[in-house]
């Protein structure tokens, strides 16, 4: 049985990284981030806001790292 990542094109990890990074940048500049329970505003709940934004930044780094790991 093939691995799940062998069925995806190699560039899909870079696409996911770009989407995650763009979302984090937009949310940083707008001051609100999308969560599972709705929108979080940076002025109302700054800790949760920055945790969500940092998660998306780190996620984009993870996707880039996986891309370079799988495609040396």
PDB file of N, CA and C in Angstrom:
ATOM      1  N   UNK A   1       0.844  -1.180   0.000  1.00  0.00           N
ATOM      2  CA  UNK A   1       0.000   0.000   0.000  1.00  0.00           C
ATOM      3  C   UNK A   1       0.887   1.240   0.000  1.00  0.00           C
ATOM      4  N   UNK A   2       0.572   2.170  -0.843  1.00  0.00           N
ATOM      5  CA  UNK A   2       1.378   3.385  -0.987  1.00  0.00           C
ATOM      6  C   UNK A   2       1.091   4.361   0.149  1.00  0.00           C
ATOM      7  N   UNK A   3       2.094   5.171   0.460  1.00  0.00           N
ATOM      8  CA  UNK A   3       1.908   6.211   1.466  1.00  0.00           C
ATOM      9  C   UNK A   3       0.999   7.300   0.915  1.00  0.00           C
ATOM     10  N   UNK A   4       0.357   8.037   1.820  1.00  0.00           N
ATOM     11  CA  UNK A   4      -0.568   9.085   1.370  1.00  0.00           C
ATOM     12  C   UNK A   4       0.163  10.195   0.653  1.00  0.00           C
ATOM     13  N   UNK A   5       1.403  10.510   1.079  1.00  0.00           N
ATOM     14  CA  UNK A   5       2.112  11.629   0.469  1.00  0.00           C
ATOM     15  C   UNK A   5       2.723  11.263  -0.875  1.00  0.00           C
ATOM     16  N   UNK A   6       2.840   9.965  -1.184  1.00  0.00           N
ATOM     17  CA  UNK A   6       3.374   9.587  -2.489  1.00  0.00           C
ATOM     18  C   UNK A   6       2.328   9.773  -3.583  1.00  0.00           C
ATOM     19  N   UNK A   7       1.062   9.898  -3.231  1.00  0.00           N
ATOM     20  CA  UNK A   7       0.007  10.084  -4.211  1.00  0.00           C
ATOM     21  C   UNK A   7      -0.227  11.548  -4.551  1.00  0.00           C
ATOM     22  N   UNK A   8       0.345  12.452  -3.778  1.00  0.00           N
ATOM     23  CA  UNK A   8       0.192  13.879  -4.037  1.00  0.00           C
ATOM     24  C   UNK A   8       1.340  14.373  -4.901  1.00  0.00           C
ATOM     25  N   UNK A   9       1.098  15.369  -5.753  1.00  0.00           N
ATOM     26  CA  UNK A   9       2.225  15.946  -6.487  1.00  0.00           C
ATOM     27  C   UNK A   9       3.165  16.653  -5.519  1.00  0.00           C
ATOM     28  N   UNK A  10       4.463  16.674  -5.828  1.00  0.00           N
ATOM     29  CA  UNK A  10       5.431  17.274  -4.898  1.00  0.00           C
ATOM     30  C   UNK A  10       5.166  18.748  -4.608  1.00  0.00           C
ATOM     31  N   UNK A  11       4.615  19.452  -5.573  1.00  0.00           N
ATOM     32  CA  UNK A  11       4.387  20.882  -5.374  1.00  0.00           C
ATOM     33  C   UNK A  11       3.208  21.174  -4.453  1.00  0.00           C
ATOM     34  N   UNK A  12       2.417  20.171  -4.095  1.00  0.00           N
ATOM     35  CA  UNK A  12       1.256  20.416  -3.239  1.00  0.00           C
ATOM     36  C   UNK A  12       1.675  20.899  -1.853  1.00  0.00           C
ATOM     37  N   UNK A  13       2.838  20.452  -1.368  1.00  0.00           N
ATOM     38  CA  UNK A  13       3.316  20.924  -0.073  1.00  0.00           C
ATOM     39  C   UNK A  13       3.680  22.398  -0.129  1.00  0.00           C
ATOM     40  N   UNK A  14       4.251  22.832  -1.256  1.00  0.00           N
ATOM     41  CA  UNK A  14       4.574  24.248  -1.401  1.00  0.00           C
ATOM     42  C   UNK A  14       3.318  25.096  -1.534  1.00  0.00           C
ATOM     43  N   UNK A  15       2.294  24.556  -2.170  1.00  0.00           N
ATOM     44  CA  UNK A  15       1.026  25.277  -2.284  1.00  0.00           C
ATOM     45  C   UNK A  15       0.399  25.453  -0.904  1.00  0.00           C
ATOM     46  N   UNK A  16       0.408  24.394  -0.108  1.00  0.00           N
ATOM     47  CA  UNK A  16      -0.121  24.490   1.259  1.00  0.00           C
ATOM     48  C   UNK A  16       0.685  25.478   2.096  1.00  0.00           C
ATOM     49  N   UNK A  17       2.005  25.499   1.915  1.00  0.00           N
ATOM     50  CA  UNK A  17       2.848  26.444   2.638  1.00  0.00           C
ATOM     51  C   UNK A  17       2.516  27.877   2.237  1.00  0.00           C
ATOM     52  N   UNK A  18       2.310  28.115   0.955  1.00  0.00           N
ATOM     53  CA  UNK A  18       1.994  29.467   0.487  1.00  0.00           C
ATOM     54  C   UNK A  18       0.630  29.923   0.997  1.00  0.00           C
ATOM     55  N   UNK A  19      -0.346  29.044   0.995  1.00  0.00           N
ATOM     56  CA  UNK A  19      -1.683  29.391   1.491  1.00  0.00           C
ATOM     57  C   UNK A  19      -1.625  29.705   2.987  1.00  0.00           C
ATOM     58  N   UNK A  20      -0.910  28.879   3.739  1.00  0.00           N
ATOM     59  CA  UNK A  20      -0.796  29.100   5.175  1.00  0.00           C
ATOM     60  C   UNK A  20      -0.071  30.405   5.484  1.00  0.00           C
ATOM     61  N   UNK A  21       1.015  30.675   4.767  1.00  0.00           N
ATOM     62  CA  UNK A  21       1.769  31.896   4.995  1.00  0.00           C
ATOM     63  C   UNK A  21       0.958  33.134   4.626  1.00  0.00           C
ATOM     64  N   UNK A  22       0.252  33.073   3.494  1.00  0.00           N
ATOM     65  CA  UNK A  22      -0.570  34.217   3.082  1.00  0.00           C
ATOM     66  C   UNK A  22      -1.692  34.485   4.078  1.00  0.00           C
ATOM     67  N   UNK A  23      -2.308  33.425   4.589  1.00  0.00           N
ATOM     68  CA  UNK A  23      -3.361  33.601   5.587  1.00  0.00           C
ATOM     69  C   UNK A  23      -2.801  34.242   6.849  1.00  0.00           C
ATOM     70  N   UNK A  24      -1.622  33.814   7.275  1.00  0.00           N
ATOM     71  CA  UNK A  24      -1.017  34.392   8.481  1.00  0.00           C
ATOM     72  C   UNK A  24      -0.666  35.865   8.276  1.00  0.00           C
ATOM     73  N   UNK A  25      -0.164  36.209   7.099  1.00  0.00           N
ATOM     74  CA  UNK A  25       0.178  37.610   6.828  1.00  0.00           C
ATOM     75  C   UNK A  25      -1.071  38.472   6.789  1.00  0.00           C
ATOM     76  N   UNK A  26      -2.102  38.010   6.102  1.00  0.00           N
ATOM     77  CA  UNK A  26      -3.347  38.784   6.021  1.00  0.00           C
ATOM     78  C   UNK A  26      -3.951  38.960   7.401  1.00  0.00           C
ATOM     79  N   UNK A  27      -3.969  37.897   8.199  1.00  0.00           N
ATOM     80  CA  UNK A  27      -4.548  37.991   9.536  1.00  0.00           C
ATOM     81  C   UNK A  27      -3.722  38.879  10.446  1.00  0.00           C
ATOM     82  N   UNK A  28      -2.407  38.911  10.250  1.00  0.00           N
ATOM     83  CA  UNK A  28      -1.566  39.804  11.041  1.00  0.00           C
ATOM     84  C   UNK A  28      -1.902  41.260  10.746  1.00  0.00           C
ATOM     85  N   UNK A  29      -2.078  41.587   9.482  1.00  0.00           N
ATOM     86  CA  UNK A  29      -2.353  42.975   9.111  1.00  0.00           C
ATOM     87  C   UNK A  29      -3.794  43.396   9.385  1.00  0.00           C
ATOM     88  N   UNK A  30      -4.755  42.469   9.304  1.00  0.00           N
ATOM     89  CA  UNK A  30      -6.145  42.846   9.570  1.00  0.00           C
ATOM     90  C   UNK A  30      -6.480  42.833  11.055  1.00  0.00           C
ATOM     91  N   UNK A  31      -5.733  42.084  11.846  1.00  0.00           N
ATOM     92  CA  UNK A  31      -5.982  42.046  13.284  1.00  0.00           C
ATOM     93  C   UNK A  31      -7.081  41.094  13.693  1.00  0.00           C
ATOM     94  N   UNK A  32      -7.488  40.207  12.795  1.00  0.00           N
ATOM     95  CA  UNK A  32      -8.460  39.186  13.168  1.00  0.00           C
ATOM     96  C   UNK A  32      -8.094  37.886  12.473  1.00  0.00           C
ATOM     97  N   UNK A  33      -8.346  36.777  13.156  1.00  0.00           N
ATOM     98  CA  UNK A  33      -7.968  35.465  12.652  1.00  0.00           C
ATOM     99  C   UNK A  33      -9.155  34.521  12.747  1.00  0.00           C
ATOM    100  N   UNK A  34      -9.232  33.606  11.825  1.00  0.00           N
ATOM    101  CA  UNK A  34     -10.320  32.636  11.782  1.00  0.00           C
ATOM    102  C   UNK A  34      -9.955  31.419  12.616  1.00  0.00           C
ATOM    103  N   UNK A  35     -10.846  31.038  13.514  1.00  0.00           N
ATOM    104  CA  UNK A  35     -10.670  29.820  14.302  1.00  0.00           C
ATOM    105  C   UNK A  35     -11.866  28.912  14.063  1.00  0.00           C
ATOM    106  N   UNK A  36     -11.865  27.766  14.713  1.00  0.00           N
ATOM    107  CA  UNK A  36     -12.980  26.831  14.531  1.00  0.00           C
ATOM    108  C   UNK A  36     -14.280  27.377  15.116  1.00  0.00           C
ATOM    109  N   UNK A  37     -14.165  28.229  16.111  1.00  0.00           N
ATOM    110  CA  UNK A  37     -15.368  28.759  16.760  1.00  0.00           C
ATOM    111  C   UNK A  37     -15.770  30.139  16.245  1.00  0.00           C
ATOM    112  N   UNK A  38     -15.086  30.650  15.242  1.00  0.00           N
ATOM    113  CA  UNK A  38     -15.417  31.968  14.693  1.00  0.00           C
ATOM    114  C   UNK A  38     -14.176  32.821  14.526  1.00  0.00           C
ATOM    115  N   UNK A  39     -14.375  34.120  14.543  1.00  0.00           N
ATOM    116  CA  UNK A  39     -13.273  35.052  14.361  1.00  0.00           C
ATOM    117  C   UNK A  39     -12.749  35.517  15.716  1.00  0.00           C
ATOM    118  N   UNK A  40     -11.428  35.653  15.817  1.00  0.00           N
ATOM    119  CA  UNK A  40     -10.776  36.169  17.021  1.00  0.00           C
ATOM    120  C   UNK A  40     -10.120  37.485  16.648  1.00  0.00           C
ATOM    121  N   UNK A  41     -10.426  38.534  17.410  1.00  0.00           N
ATOM    122  CA  UNK A  41      -9.839  39.848  17.153  1.00  0.00           C
ATOM    123  C   UNK A  41      -8.634  40.052  18.058  1.00  0.00           C
ATOM    124  N   UNK A  42      -7.599  40.640  17.493  1.00  0.00           N
ATOM    125  CA  UNK A  42      -6.358  40.840  18.231  1.00  0.00           C
ATOM    126  C   UNK A  42      -6.496  41.796  19.401  1.00  0.00           C
ATOM    127  N   UNK A  43      -7.447  42.718  19.320  1.00  0.00           N
ATOM    128  CA  UNK A  43      -7.622  43.669  20.418  1.00  0.00           C
ATOM    129  C   UNK A  43      -8.461  43.090  21.553  1.00  0.00           C
ATOM    130  N   UNK A  44      -9.341  42.151  21.247  1.00  0.00           N
ATOM    131  CA  UNK A  44     -10.208  41.588  22.276  1.00  0.00           C
ATOM    132  C   UNK A  44      -9.561  40.411  23.010  1.00  0.00           C
ATOM    133  N   UNK A  45      -8.860  39.568  22.281  1.00  0.00           N
ATOM    134  CA  UNK A  45      -8.226  38.394  22.882  1.00  0.00           C
ATOM    135  C   UNK A  45      -6.860  38.180  22.237  1.00  0.00           C
ATOM    136  N   UNK A  46      -5.853  38.974  22.652  1.00  0.00           N
ATOM    137  CA  UNK A  46      -4.566  38.954  21.953  1.00  0.00           C
ATOM    138  C   UNK A  46      -3.790  37.644  22.080  1.00  0.00           C
ATOM    139  N   UNK A  47      -3.938  36.940  23.180  1.00  0.00           N
ATOM    140  CA  UNK A  47      -3.174  35.700  23.349  1.00  0.00           C
ATOM    141  C   UNK A  47      -3.645  34.644  22.352  1.00  0.00           C
ATOM    142  N   UNK A  48      -4.941  34.450  22.259  1.00  0.00           N
ATOM    143  CA  UNK A  48      -5.481  33.466  21.319  1.00  0.00           C
ATOM    144  C   UNK A  48      -5.187  33.895  19.885  1.00  0.00           C
ATOM    145  N   UNK A  49      -5.313  35.184  19.605  1.00  0.00           N
ATOM    146  CA  UNK A  49      -5.039  35.686  18.253  1.00  0.00           C
ATOM    147  C   UNK A  49      -3.617  35.358  17.830  1.00  0.00           C
ATOM    148  N   UNK A  50      -2.637  35.660  18.673  1.00  0.00           N
ATOM    149  CA  UNK A  50      -1.251  35.416  18.292  1.00  0.00           C
ATOM    150  C   UNK A  50      -0.903  33.938  18.270  1.00  0.00           C
ATOM    151  N   UNK A  51      -1.575  33.134  19.074  1.00  0.00           N
ATOM    152  CA  UNK A  51      -1.364  31.689  18.988  1.00  0.00           C
ATOM    153  C   UNK A  51      -1.856  31.133  17.656  1.00  0.00           C
ATOM    154  N   UNK A  52      -3.002  31.616  17.196  1.00  0.00           N
ATOM    155  CA  UNK A  52      -3.536  31.164  15.913  1.00  0.00           C
ATOM    156  C   UNK A  52      -2.625  31.610  14.778  1.00  0.00           C
ATOM    157  N   UNK A  53      -2.199  32.858  14.798  1.00  0.00           N
ATOM    158  CA  UNK A  53      -1.331  33.373  13.732  1.00  0.00           C
ATOM    159  C   UNK A  53       0.013  32.644  13.748  1.00  0.00           C
ATOM    160  N   UNK A  54       0.582  32.426  14.919  1.00  0.00           N
ATOM    161  CA  UNK A  54       1.861  31.714  15.006  1.00  0.00           C
ATOM    162  C   UNK A  54       1.739  30.279  14.514  1.00  0.00           C
ATOM    163  N   UNK A  55       0.596  29.656  14.762  1.00  0.00           N
ATOM    164  CA  UNK A  55       0.368  28.302  14.273  1.00  0.00           C
ATOM    165  C   UNK A  55       0.404  28.252  12.751  1.00  0.00           C
ATOM    166  N   UNK A  56      -0.177  29.250  12.112  1.00  0.00           N
ATOM    167  CA  UNK A  56      -0.156  29.278  10.652  1.00  0.00           C
ATOM    168  C   UNK A  56       1.236  29.567  10.104  1.00  0.00           C
ATOM    169  N   UNK A  57       1.995  30.442  10.761  1.00  0.00           N
ATOM    170  CA  UNK A  57       3.385  30.679  10.340  1.00  0.00           C
ATOM    171  C   UNK A  57       4.216  29.404  10.490  1.00  0.00           C
ATOM    172  N   UNK A  58       4.090  28.737  11.630  1.00  0.00           N
ATOM    173  CA  UNK A  58       4.840  27.508  11.847  1.00  0.00           C
ATOM    174  C   UNK A  58       4.384  26.393  10.921  1.00  0.00           C
ATOM    175  N   UNK A  59       3.101  26.371  10.607  1.00  0.00           N
ATOM    176  CA  UNK A  59       2.594  25.384   9.654  1.00  0.00           C
ATOM    177  C   UNK A  59       3.200  25.565   8.277  1.00  0.00           C
ATOM    178  N   UNK A  60       3.353  26.808   7.859  1.00  0.00           N
ATOM    179  CA  UNK A  60       3.966  27.041   6.548  1.00  0.00           C
ATOM    180  C   UNK A  60       5.427  26.594   6.555  1.00  0.00           C
ATOM    181  N   UNK A  61       6.137  26.823   7.657  1.00  0.00           N
ATOM    182  CA  UNK A  61       7.515  26.338   7.750  1.00  0.00           C
ATOM    183  C   UNK A  61       7.573  24.813   7.743  1.00  0.00           C
ATOM    184  N   UNK A  62       6.615  24.174   8.376  1.00  0.00           N
ATOM    185  CA  UNK A  62       6.547  22.723   8.390  1.00  0.00           C
ATOM    186  C   UNK A  62       6.338  22.176   6.982  1.00  0.00           C
ATOM    187  N   UNK A  63       5.427  22.776   6.222  1.00  0.00           N
ATOM    188  CA  UNK A  63       5.174  22.314   4.859  1.00  0.00           C
ATOM    189  C   UNK A  63       6.397  22.489   3.965  1.00  0.00           C
ATOM    190  N   UNK A  64       7.120  23.600   4.120  1.00  0.00           N
ATOM    191  CA  UNK A  64       8.346  23.807   3.340  1.00  0.00           C
ATOM    192  C   UNK A  64       9.401  22.779   3.744  1.00  0.00           C
ATOM    193  N   UNK A  65       9.532  22.530   5.044  1.00  0.00           N
ATOM    194  CA  UNK A  65      10.479  21.530   5.511  1.00  0.00           C
ATOM    195  C   UNK A  65      10.158  20.138   4.997  1.00  0.00           C
ATOM    196  N   UNK A  66       8.885  19.777   4.999  1.00  0.00           N
ATOM    197  CA  UNK A  66       8.485  18.475   4.457  1.00  0.00           C
ATOM    198  C   UNK A  66       8.772  18.380   2.965  1.00  0.00           C
ATOM    199  N   UNK A  67       8.588  19.482   2.251  1.00  0.00           N
ATOM    200  CA  UNK A  67       8.871  19.491   0.826  1.00  0.00           C
ATOM    201  C   UNK A  67      10.357  19.205   0.581  1.00  0.00           C
ATOM    202  N   UNK A  68      11.235  19.895   1.308  1.00  0.00           N
ATOM    203  CA  UNK A  68      12.657  19.687   1.108  1.00  0.00           C
ATOM    204  C   UNK A  68      13.128  18.332   1.641  1.00  0.00           C
ATOM    205  N   UNK A  69      12.429  17.797   2.614  1.00  0.00           N
ATOM    206  CA  UNK A  69      12.764  16.454   3.107  1.00  0.00           C
ATOM    207  C   UNK A  69      12.395  15.388   2.085  1.00  0.00           C
ATOM    208  N   UNK A  70      11.227  15.545   1.468  1.00  0.00           N
ATOM    209  CA  UNK A  70      10.758  14.551   0.504  1.00  0.00           C
ATOM    210  C   UNK A  70      11.413  14.714  -0.873  1.00  0.00           C
ATOM    211  N   UNK A  71      11.872  15.923  -1.210  1.00  0.00           N
ATOM    212  CA  UNK A  71      12.469  16.197  -2.517  1.00  0.00           C
ATOM    213  C   UNK A  71      13.852  16.784  -2.347  1.00  0.00           C
ATOM    214  N   UNK A  72      14.839  15.941  -2.103  1.00  0.00           N
ATOM    215  CA  UNK A  72      16.194  16.471  -1.850  1.00  0.00           C
ATOM    216  C   UNK A  72      16.837  17.101  -3.082  1.00  0.00           C
TER     217      UNK A  72
END
